[in-house]
N, C-alpha and C. Protein backbone atom coordinates (compact mmCIF):
# COMPACT_ATOMS: atom_id res chain seq x y z
N MET A 1 0.55 -1.39 0.20
CA MET A 1 0.03 -0.06 0.21
C MET A 1 0.81 1.13 0.14
N GLU A 2 0.41 2.15 -0.73
CA GLU A 2 1.09 3.50 -1.05
C GLU A 2 0.87 4.32 0.36
N SER A 3 2.05 5.18 0.22
CA SER A 3 1.73 6.36 1.41
C SER A 3 0.59 7.49 1.05
N ILE A 4 0.09 7.54 1.73
CA ILE A 4 -1.13 8.96 1.49
C ILE A 4 -0.38 10.19 0.77
N THR A 5 0.64 10.36 0.80
CA THR A 5 1.71 11.62 0.08
C THR A 5 1.67 11.16 -1.33
N SER A 6 2.20 9.77 -1.37
CA SER A 6 2.19 9.55 -3.00
C SER A 6 1.04 9.53 -3.79
N LEU A 7 0.08 8.92 -2.85
CA LEU A 7 -1.28 8.98 -3.99
C LEU A 7 -1.64 10.11 -4.02
N ALA A 8 -1.67 11.07 -2.91
CA ALA A 8 -2.21 12.44 -3.05
C ALA A 8 -1.11 13.37 -4.41
N LEU A 9 0.05 13.14 -4.45
CA LEU A 9 0.86 13.53 -5.52
C LEU A 9 0.53 13.25 -6.87
N ASP A 10 0.03 11.67 -6.70
CA ASP A 10 -0.19 11.13 -7.73
C ASP A 10 -1.69 11.65 -8.63
N ARG A 11 -2.32 12.02 -7.71
CA ARG A 11 -3.59 12.49 -7.93
C ARG A 11 -3.80 13.95 -8.48
N TRP A 12 -2.69 14.55 -7.91
CA TRP A 12 -2.28 15.96 -8.40
C TRP A 12 -2.10 16.06 -9.43
N LEU A 13 -1.05 15.10 -9.85
CA LEU A 13 -0.44 14.88 -11.33
C LEU A 13 -1.45 14.53 -12.11
N HIS A 14 -2.31 13.89 -11.79
CA HIS A 14 -3.46 12.93 -12.89
C HIS A 14 -4.29 14.24 -13.40
N PHE A 15 -4.70 15.26 -12.10
CA PHE A 15 -5.81 16.48 -12.42
C PHE A 15 -4.97 17.24 -13.40
N LEU A 16 -3.83 17.71 -12.71
CA LEU A 16 -3.04 18.28 -13.67
C LEU A 16 -2.80 18.32 -15.28
N ALA A 17 -2.48 17.01 -15.52
CA ALA A 17 -2.13 16.44 -16.92
C ALA A 17 -3.69 16.41 -17.63
N GLY A 18 -4.45 15.85 -16.65
CA GLY A 18 -5.75 15.85 -17.52
C GLY A 18 -6.25 17.14 -17.84
N ILE A 19 -6.22 18.29 -17.09
CA ILE A 19 -6.75 19.48 -17.07
C ILE A 19 -6.06 20.08 -18.37
N THR A 20 -4.50 19.73 -18.55
CA THR A 20 -3.96 20.05 -19.76
C THR A 20 -4.46 19.65 -21.31
N TRP A 21 -4.61 18.22 -20.64
CA TRP A 21 -5.26 17.21 -21.98
C TRP A 21 -6.34 17.70 -22.63
N ILE A 22 -7.14 17.73 -21.60
CA ILE A 22 -8.59 18.06 -22.22
C ILE A 22 -8.68 19.80 -22.42
N GLY A 23 -7.91 20.64 -21.80
CA GLY A 23 -7.84 22.22 -22.20
C GLY A 23 -7.21 22.15 -23.70
N LEU A 24 -6.65 21.60 -24.07
CA LEU A 24 -6.00 21.56 -25.52
C LEU A 24 -6.82 20.78 -26.58
N LEU A 25 -7.49 19.63 -26.04
CA LEU A 25 -8.60 19.24 -26.90
C LEU A 25 -9.47 20.32 -27.14
N TYR A 26 -10.09 21.10 -26.03
CA TYR A 26 -11.04 21.84 -26.66
C TYR A 26 -10.39 23.21 -27.21
N TYR A 27 -9.37 23.62 -27.15
CA TYR A 27 -8.45 24.64 -27.88
C TYR A 27 -8.68 24.19 -29.46
N PHE A 28 -7.96 22.99 -29.69
CA PHE A 28 -8.20 22.60 -31.10
C PHE A 28 -9.37 22.28 -31.72
N ASN A 29 -10.50 21.66 -31.02
CA ASN A 29 -11.63 21.97 -31.47
C ASN A 29 -12.45 23.26 -31.76
N PHE A 30 -12.20 24.12 -30.42
CA PHE A 30 -13.06 25.14 -30.62
C PHE A 30 -12.66 26.44 -30.77
N VAL A 31 -11.17 26.47 -30.80
CA VAL A 31 -10.59 27.50 -31.05
C VAL A 31 -9.49 27.73 -32.50
N GLN A 32 -8.53 26.69 -32.46
CA GLN A 32 -7.53 26.54 -33.61
C GLN A 32 -8.37 26.04 -35.01
N ALA A 33 -9.13 25.09 -34.90
CA ALA A 33 -9.72 24.85 -36.16
C ALA A 33 -10.80 25.72 -36.77
N PRO A 34 -11.70 26.14 -36.06
CA PRO A 34 -11.96 27.32 -36.64
C PRO A 34 -11.22 28.39 -37.33
N ALA A 35 -10.45 29.06 -36.38
CA ALA A 35 -9.65 29.92 -36.65
C ALA A 35 -8.71 29.82 -38.40
N ALA A 36 -8.25 28.57 -38.05
CA ALA A 36 -7.40 27.85 -39.36
C ALA A 36 -8.23 28.04 -40.62
N ALA A 37 -9.28 27.74 -40.37
CA ALA A 37 -10.58 27.64 -41.44
C ALA A 37 -10.96 29.12 -42.00
N GLU A 38 -11.14 29.94 -41.10
CA GLU A 38 -11.15 31.37 -41.31
C GLU A 38 -9.80 32.04 -42.06
N ALA A 39 -8.68 31.71 -41.21
CA ALA A 39 -7.56 32.08 -42.31
C ALA A 39 -7.34 31.56 -43.51
N ALA A 40 -7.73 30.41 -43.88
CA ALA A 40 -7.52 30.09 -45.15
C ALA A 40 -8.43 30.46 -46.16
N LYS A 41 -9.53 30.98 -45.50
CA LYS A 41 -10.57 31.95 -46.73
C LYS A 41 -10.13 33.17 -46.69
N ASP A 42 -9.47 33.62 -45.95
CA ASP A 42 -8.93 35.46 -46.01
C ASP A 42 -7.94 35.42 -47.20
N GLN A 43 -8.43 36.04 -48.25
CA GLN A 43 -7.27 36.33 -49.13
C GLN A 43 -6.41 37.15 -48.92
N GLY A 44 -6.73 38.27 -48.36
CA GLY A 44 -5.50 39.12 -47.94
C GLY A 44 -4.51 38.95 -46.66
N GLY A 45 -5.10 38.10 -46.25
CA GLY A 45 -4.46 37.73 -44.64
C GLY A 45 -3.22 36.79 -45.06
N PRO A 46 -2.71 36.70 -43.72
CA PRO A 46 -1.46 35.71 -43.78
C PRO A 46 -2.01 34.36 -43.96
N GLY A 47 -2.91 33.66 -43.57
CA GLY A 47 -3.14 32.51 -43.80
C GLY A 47 -2.88 31.60 -43.02
N PRO A 48 -2.88 30.40 -42.64
CA PRO A 48 -2.90 29.44 -41.49
C PRO A 48 -1.38 28.88 -41.31
N ALA A 49 -0.69 29.13 -42.32
CA ALA A 49 0.74 28.66 -42.20
C ALA A 49 1.32 28.75 -40.92
N ALA A 50 1.32 30.14 -40.22
CA ALA A 50 2.16 30.25 -39.06
C ALA A 50 1.69 29.35 -37.78
N ILE A 51 0.32 29.10 -37.81
CA ILE A 51 -0.50 28.22 -36.85
C ILE A 51 0.31 26.95 -36.93
N GLY A 52 -0.01 26.37 -38.45
CA GLY A 52 0.53 25.00 -38.55
C GLY A 52 1.91 25.01 -38.25
N LYS A 53 2.44 25.81 -38.64
CA LYS A 53 4.21 25.46 -38.33
C LYS A 53 4.49 25.77 -37.12
N TYR A 54 4.18 26.70 -36.16
CA TYR A 54 4.91 27.26 -34.92
C TYR A 54 3.84 26.59 -34.00
N ILE A 55 2.62 26.81 -33.69
CA ILE A 55 1.76 26.44 -32.64
C ILE A 55 1.30 25.24 -32.63
N THR A 56 0.94 24.45 -33.91
CA THR A 56 0.53 23.20 -33.67
C THR A 56 1.19 22.22 -33.55
N PRO A 57 2.38 22.13 -33.73
CA PRO A 57 3.28 21.03 -33.40
C PRO A 57 3.40 21.38 -31.69
N ARG A 58 3.74 22.43 -31.47
CA ARG A 58 4.22 22.40 -30.14
C ARG A 58 2.93 22.15 -28.81
N ALA A 59 1.58 22.53 -29.56
CA ALA A 59 0.73 22.24 -28.94
C ALA A 59 -0.04 20.67 -28.82
N LEU A 60 0.58 20.04 -30.27
CA LEU A 60 0.32 18.48 -30.01
C LEU A 60 1.33 17.71 -29.32
N LEU A 61 2.51 18.42 -29.18
CA LEU A 61 3.57 17.93 -28.19
C LEU A 61 2.60 17.85 -26.68
N TRP A 62 2.64 19.04 -26.33
CA TRP A 62 1.82 18.69 -25.09
C TRP A 62 0.56 18.04 -24.90
N PHE A 63 -0.16 18.02 -26.00
CA PHE A 63 -1.45 17.37 -25.93
C PHE A 63 -1.50 15.76 -25.88
N ARG A 64 -0.17 15.53 -26.83
CA ARG A 64 -0.26 13.62 -26.61
C ARG A 64 0.66 13.23 -25.42
N TRP A 65 1.61 14.17 -24.94
CA TRP A 65 2.24 13.77 -23.77
C TRP A 65 1.19 13.91 -22.36
N SER A 66 0.52 14.80 -22.38
CA SER A 66 -0.49 15.08 -21.27
C SER A 66 -1.34 14.08 -21.20
N ALA A 67 -1.80 13.52 -22.30
CA ALA A 67 -2.64 12.24 -22.53
C ALA A 67 -1.95 10.98 -21.66
N LEU A 68 -0.67 10.76 -22.06
CA LEU A 68 -0.33 9.84 -21.60
C LEU A 68 0.09 9.76 -19.86
N VAL A 69 0.72 11.09 -19.68
CA VAL A 69 0.58 11.06 -18.31
C VAL A 69 -0.52 11.06 -17.59
N THR A 70 -1.69 11.78 -18.25
CA THR A 70 -2.98 11.21 -17.43
C THR A 70 -3.36 10.07 -17.28
N TRP A 71 -3.21 8.90 -18.28
CA TRP A 71 -3.57 7.79 -18.27
C TRP A 71 -2.74 7.03 -17.16
N LEU A 72 -1.54 7.19 -17.47
CA LEU A 72 -0.32 6.28 -16.34
C LEU A 72 -0.65 6.96 -14.94
N SER A 73 -0.84 8.01 -14.66
CA SER A 73 -0.95 8.50 -13.14
C SER A 73 -2.39 7.97 -12.72
N GLY A 74 -3.52 7.96 -13.69
CA GLY A 74 -4.75 7.09 -13.46
C GLY A 74 -4.82 5.70 -13.02
N ALA A 75 -4.01 5.07 -13.96
CA ALA A 75 -3.47 3.56 -13.51
C ALA A 75 -2.84 3.34 -12.52
N TYR A 76 -1.95 4.16 -12.18
CA TYR A 76 -0.83 4.04 -10.85
C TYR A 76 -2.27 4.22 -9.76
N TYR A 77 -2.91 5.17 -9.65
CA TYR A 77 -3.85 5.48 -8.97
C TYR A 77 -4.63 4.38 -8.37
N LEU A 78 -5.17 3.94 -9.55
CA LEU A 78 -5.98 2.63 -9.38
C LEU A 78 -5.31 1.48 -8.69
N MET A 79 -3.84 1.10 -9.17
CA MET A 79 -3.18 0.17 -8.42
C MET A 79 -2.71 0.60 -7.03
N ALA A 80 -2.58 1.51 -6.83
CA ALA A 80 -2.18 1.80 -5.39
C ALA A 80 -3.26 2.13 -4.44
N ALA A 81 -4.17 2.76 -4.88
CA ALA A 81 -5.15 3.25 -3.82
C ALA A 81 -5.83 2.10 -3.24
N PRO A 82 -5.79 1.85 -2.06
CA PRO A 82 -6.83 0.98 -1.45
C PRO A 82 -8.15 0.49 -1.56
N HIS A 83 -8.62 1.37 -2.02
CA HIS A 83 -10.00 1.14 -2.63
C HIS A 83 -10.40 0.99 -4.05
N TYR A 84 -9.41 0.82 -4.78
CA TYR A 84 -9.57 0.44 -6.14
C TYR A 84 -8.55 -0.43 -6.40
N SER A 85 -8.84 -1.14 -7.51
CA SER A 85 -7.59 -1.99 -8.28
C SER A 85 -7.77 -1.96 -9.70
N LEU A 86 -6.93 -1.90 -10.27
CA LEU A 86 -6.66 -2.04 -11.96
C LEU A 86 -7.49 -2.79 -12.51
N HIS A 87 -7.06 -3.97 -12.20
CA HIS A 87 -7.80 -5.13 -12.54
C HIS A 87 -9.38 -4.94 -12.45
N GLY A 88 -9.63 -4.60 -10.95
CA GLY A 88 -11.49 -4.38 -10.71
C GLY A 88 -11.93 -3.31 -11.79
N ALA A 89 -11.11 -2.01 -11.94
CA ALA A 89 -11.55 -0.83 -12.73
C ALA A 89 -11.86 -1.51 -14.16
N PHE A 90 -11.14 -2.03 -14.67
CA PHE A 90 -11.13 -2.51 -16.00
C PHE A 90 -12.19 -3.65 -16.33
N THR A 91 -12.51 -4.28 -15.31
CA THR A 91 -13.49 -5.50 -15.40
C THR A 91 -14.90 -4.92 -14.59
N LEU A 92 -15.02 -3.53 -14.75
CA LEU A 92 -15.86 -2.65 -14.08
C LEU A 92 -16.32 -3.43 -12.97
N GLY A 93 -15.73 -3.70 -11.76
CA GLY A 93 -16.06 -3.94 -10.73
C GLY A 93 -16.91 -5.50 -10.49
N ILE A 94 -16.65 -6.07 -11.70
CA ILE A 94 -17.76 -7.27 -11.46
C ILE A 94 -17.25 -8.31 -10.76
N GLY A 95 -18.15 -8.80 -9.62
CA GLY A 95 -18.25 -9.75 -8.76
C GLY A 95 -17.49 -8.95 -7.54
N ALA A 96 -17.50 -7.69 -7.64
CA ALA A 96 -16.42 -6.82 -6.17
C ALA A 96 -17.64 -6.14 -5.42
N ASN A 97 -19.16 -6.24 -6.54
CA ASN A 97 -20.03 -5.33 -5.72
C ASN A 97 -20.01 -4.04 -5.54
N ASN A 98 -18.89 -3.35 -5.85
CA ASN A 98 -18.46 -1.94 -5.83
C ASN A 98 -18.70 -0.87 -6.96
N ILE A 99 -19.92 0.11 -6.69
CA ILE A 99 -20.44 0.79 -7.41
C ILE A 99 -19.42 1.86 -7.76
N ALA A 100 -18.38 2.28 -7.00
CA ALA A 100 -17.20 3.13 -7.16
C ALA A 100 -16.02 2.67 -8.27
N LEU A 101 -15.98 1.67 -8.15
CA LEU A 101 -15.20 0.37 -9.01
C LEU A 101 -15.24 0.67 -10.14
N THR A 102 -16.91 0.20 -10.46
CA THR A 102 -17.64 0.26 -11.51
C THR A 102 -17.24 1.76 -12.22
N THR A 103 -17.94 2.80 -11.59
CA THR A 103 -17.89 3.72 -11.87
C THR A 103 -16.60 4.47 -12.45
N ILE A 104 -15.54 4.41 -11.76
CA ILE A 104 -14.33 4.69 -11.97
C ILE A 104 -13.84 3.73 -13.29
N GLY A 105 -14.37 2.53 -13.52
CA GLY A 105 -13.83 1.41 -14.64
C GLY A 105 -14.34 2.23 -15.84
N MET A 106 -15.58 2.70 -15.94
CA MET A 106 -16.24 3.57 -17.12
C MET A 106 -15.10 4.64 -17.38
N GLY A 107 -14.88 5.33 -16.66
CA GLY A 107 -13.78 6.44 -16.53
C GLY A 107 -12.52 6.12 -17.27
N ALA A 108 -11.89 4.81 -16.71
CA ALA A 108 -10.70 4.29 -17.17
C ALA A 108 -10.96 3.66 -18.98
N TRP A 109 -12.13 3.04 -18.96
CA TRP A 109 -12.27 2.37 -20.15
C TRP A 109 -12.41 3.71 -21.14
N LEU A 110 -13.17 4.73 -20.85
CA LEU A 110 -13.23 6.38 -21.75
C LEU A 110 -11.72 6.70 -22.15
N GLY A 111 -11.02 6.86 -20.87
CA GLY A 111 -9.68 7.48 -20.90
C GLY A 111 -8.92 6.39 -21.73
N THR A 112 -8.85 5.11 -22.16
CA THR A 112 -8.23 4.75 -22.66
C THR A 112 -8.44 4.46 -24.13
N ILE A 113 -9.87 4.68 -24.24
CA ILE A 113 -10.37 4.95 -25.75
C ILE A 113 -9.60 6.29 -26.31
N MET A 114 -9.62 7.34 -25.48
CA MET A 114 -9.21 8.74 -25.58
C MET A 114 -7.77 8.59 -26.18
N LEU A 115 -7.25 7.97 -25.24
CA LEU A 115 -5.62 7.89 -25.10
C LEU A 115 -5.15 7.09 -26.52
N PHE A 116 -5.92 6.07 -26.90
CA PHE A 116 -5.77 5.50 -28.21
C PHE A 116 -5.86 6.31 -29.20
N ASN A 117 -6.94 7.23 -29.41
CA ASN A 117 -7.42 8.09 -30.42
C ASN A 117 -6.21 9.23 -30.35
N VAL A 118 -5.58 9.42 -29.29
CA VAL A 118 -4.51 10.63 -29.57
C VAL A 118 -3.24 9.86 -30.11
N TRP A 119 -2.76 8.88 -29.88
CA TRP A 119 -1.60 8.22 -30.09
C TRP A 119 -1.78 7.39 -31.41
N VAL A 120 -2.86 6.96 -31.70
CA VAL A 120 -3.10 6.14 -33.00
C VAL A 120 -3.56 6.72 -33.95
N LEU A 121 -4.63 7.45 -34.02
CA LEU A 121 -5.45 8.11 -34.74
C LEU A 121 -4.95 9.84 -35.04
N ILE A 122 -5.02 10.46 -34.20
CA ILE A 122 -4.90 11.83 -34.27
C ILE A 122 -3.14 12.21 -34.43
N TRP A 123 -2.42 11.67 -33.72
CA TRP A 123 -0.74 12.07 -34.18
C TRP A 123 -0.13 11.51 -35.40
N PRO A 124 -0.28 10.52 -35.62
CA PRO A 124 0.12 9.89 -37.17
C PRO A 124 -0.55 10.45 -37.99
N ASN A 125 -1.83 10.84 -38.01
CA ASN A 125 -2.40 11.76 -39.02
C ASN A 125 -2.20 13.40 -39.18
N GLN A 126 -1.95 13.63 -37.92
CA GLN A 126 -1.46 15.16 -38.01
C GLN A 126 -0.03 15.12 -38.74
N LYS A 127 0.68 14.44 -38.35
CA LYS A 127 2.15 14.29 -38.82
C LYS A 127 2.24 14.46 -40.49
N LYS A 128 1.06 13.87 -40.90
CA LYS A 128 0.94 14.00 -42.61
C LYS A 128 0.29 15.30 -42.91
N VAL A 129 -0.78 15.68 -42.00
CA VAL A 129 -1.39 17.25 -42.55
C VAL A 129 -0.49 18.33 -42.16
N LEU A 130 0.32 18.37 -41.22
CA LEU A 130 1.42 19.15 -40.97
C LEU A 130 2.90 19.19 -41.80
N GLY A 131 2.73 18.00 -42.47
CA GLY A 131 4.04 17.97 -43.52
C GLY A 131 5.24 17.48 -42.51
N LEU A 132 5.00 16.80 -41.66
CA LEU A 132 6.11 16.26 -40.76
C LEU A 132 6.59 15.04 -41.55
N VAL A 133 5.67 14.43 -41.95
CA VAL A 133 6.25 13.00 -42.67
C VAL A 133 5.30 13.14 -44.19
N VAL A 134 6.09 12.55 -44.95
CA VAL A 134 5.53 12.67 -46.46
C VAL A 134 4.26 12.02 -46.67
N ALA A 135 3.36 12.61 -47.51
CA ALA A 135 2.18 12.26 -47.64
C ALA A 135 1.66 13.30 -48.92
N THR A 136 0.78 12.12 -49.73
CA THR A 136 0.50 12.90 -51.01
C THR A 136 -1.00 13.69 -50.63
N GLU A 137 -1.50 14.57 -51.39
CA GLU A 137 -2.29 15.27 -50.97
C GLU A 137 -3.76 14.41 -50.57
N GLU A 138 -3.91 13.37 -51.47
CA GLU A 138 -4.91 12.38 -50.97
C GLU A 138 -4.85 12.07 -49.76
N GLU A 139 -3.44 11.64 -49.38
CA GLU A 139 -3.49 10.76 -47.91
C GLU A 139 -3.54 12.05 -46.96
N LYS A 140 -3.23 13.43 -47.21
CA LYS A 140 -3.28 14.39 -46.25
C LYS A 140 -4.73 14.73 -46.09
N ALA A 141 -5.46 14.52 -47.34
CA ALA A 141 -7.05 15.01 -47.20
C ALA A 141 -7.85 13.59 -46.41
N LYS A 142 -7.26 12.21 -46.45
CA LYS A 142 -7.63 11.46 -45.49
C LYS A 142 -7.43 11.32 -43.99
N ALA A 143 -6.24 11.86 -43.96
CA ALA A 143 -5.27 12.19 -42.64
C ALA A 143 -6.20 13.29 -41.98
N LYS A 144 -6.39 14.08 -42.56
CA LYS A 144 -7.10 15.22 -42.20
C LYS A 144 -8.55 14.69 -41.28
N ARG A 145 -9.33 13.95 -42.23
CA ARG A 145 -10.56 13.55 -41.80
C ARG A 145 -10.63 12.65 -40.65
N VAL A 146 -9.36 11.80 -40.68
CA VAL A 146 -9.47 10.87 -39.38
C VAL A 146 -9.02 11.44 -38.27
N ALA A 147 -7.92 12.54 -38.14
CA ALA A 147 -7.90 12.98 -37.14
C ALA A 147 -8.81 13.60 -36.37
N PHE A 148 -9.57 14.58 -37.34
CA PHE A 148 -10.69 15.23 -37.23
C PHE A 148 -11.95 14.69 -36.26
N LEU A 149 -12.13 13.65 -36.90
CA LEU A 149 -13.21 12.57 -36.25
C LEU A 149 -12.79 12.08 -34.88
N ALA A 150 -11.37 11.71 -34.85
CA ALA A 150 -10.96 10.98 -33.51
C ALA A 150 -11.10 12.14 -32.61
N SER A 151 -10.63 13.24 -32.98
CA SER A 151 -10.64 14.45 -32.15
C SER A 151 -12.13 14.83 -31.40
N ARG A 152 -12.86 14.97 -32.41
CA ARG A 152 -14.19 15.18 -32.16
C ARG A 152 -14.99 14.22 -31.28
N SER A 153 -14.50 12.70 -31.30
CA SER A 153 -14.79 11.76 -30.57
C SER A 153 -14.27 12.01 -29.05
N ASN A 154 -12.92 12.43 -29.14
CA ASN A 154 -12.49 12.72 -27.97
C ASN A 154 -13.21 13.78 -27.29
N THR A 155 -13.49 14.78 -27.97
CA THR A 155 -14.48 16.01 -27.21
C THR A 155 -15.72 15.52 -26.71
N LEU A 156 -16.51 14.63 -27.42
CA LEU A 156 -17.57 13.98 -27.08
C LEU A 156 -17.33 13.17 -25.73
N LEU A 157 -16.14 12.52 -25.69
CA LEU A 157 -15.98 11.62 -24.58
C LEU A 157 -15.75 12.25 -23.33
N SER A 158 -15.02 13.51 -23.57
CA SER A 158 -14.63 14.21 -22.30
C SER A 158 -15.45 14.65 -21.22
N VAL A 159 -16.69 14.95 -21.58
CA VAL A 159 -17.55 15.23 -20.60
C VAL A 159 -18.24 13.60 -19.93
N PRO A 160 -18.61 12.88 -20.42
CA PRO A 160 -18.75 11.43 -19.62
C PRO A 160 -17.74 11.26 -18.73
N ILE A 161 -16.43 11.18 -19.37
CA ILE A 161 -15.17 10.91 -18.32
C ILE A 161 -15.22 11.46 -17.18
N LEU A 162 -15.60 12.73 -17.22
CA LEU A 162 -15.55 14.07 -16.02
C LEU A 162 -16.37 13.17 -15.26
N LEU A 163 -17.86 13.16 -15.63
CA LEU A 163 -18.88 12.74 -14.91
C LEU A 163 -18.45 11.44 -14.32
N PHE A 164 -17.94 10.55 -14.93
CA PHE A 164 -17.45 9.08 -13.99
C PHE A 164 -16.57 9.35 -12.97
N MET A 165 -15.52 10.51 -13.21
CA MET A 165 -14.27 10.36 -12.41
C MET A 165 -15.09 11.26 -10.88
N GLY A 166 -15.85 12.31 -11.23
CA GLY A 166 -16.54 12.82 -10.16
C GLY A 166 -17.59 12.07 -9.26
N SER A 167 -18.26 11.22 -10.07
CA SER A 167 -19.28 10.41 -9.16
C SER A 167 -18.40 9.25 -8.60
N ALA A 168 -17.63 8.72 -9.06
CA ALA A 168 -16.51 7.63 -8.47
C ALA A 168 -15.92 8.29 -7.14
N SER A 169 -15.36 9.43 -7.30
CA SER A 169 -14.85 10.24 -6.11
C SER A 169 -15.89 10.52 -5.03
N HIS A 170 -16.98 11.12 -5.24
CA HIS A 170 -17.80 12.11 -4.54
C HIS A 170 -19.35 11.11 -4.36
N GLY A 171 -19.39 10.14 -4.70
CA GLY A 171 -20.84 9.28 -4.85
C GLY A 171 -21.79 9.92 -5.13
N LEU A 172 -21.75 10.65 -6.16
CA LEU A 172 -22.72 11.34 -6.98
C LEU A 172 -23.76 10.27 -7.74
N PRO A 173 -25.19 10.36 -7.63
CA PRO A 173 -25.85 9.47 -8.23
C PRO A 173 -25.94 9.86 -9.47
N PHE A 174 -26.36 8.52 -10.35
CA PHE A 174 -26.65 8.55 -11.70
C PHE A 174 -27.87 8.86 -12.09
């Protein structure tokens, strides 16, 4: 069993990384994507090149690593906290008769899906869109669509994951 201090620090890290991850997710979906579309339509303006060259790669770096830190710190907490277990969370508390474990398990599954989307769908496809890897225009168009759909799926999943985390910690009813 871990000390209360290490669990508290891990939980703090989990929250901080999660806030960074979800904040950047919302930034991409609600700020950058619409702004880049407007910049592309602006005939006399500077265009979206500066965003794509300077801001997007740095934001994606923070985005993907905060996603991983969020998931790893959450998994550590589930393994180390006396009232949870990683196995119990991912089996949704079946047989444990523990509603908090079932609830946090739903959050863990959603977080796992979101992490998969970041590292397997969004990042590899964004590298094509940004020109970090060689891709034809057709491949870039497909990559843009895949990254868009994965990002929007994560945006949609971000609300229930937060609700599952809150209700598991605070006993909120469904």
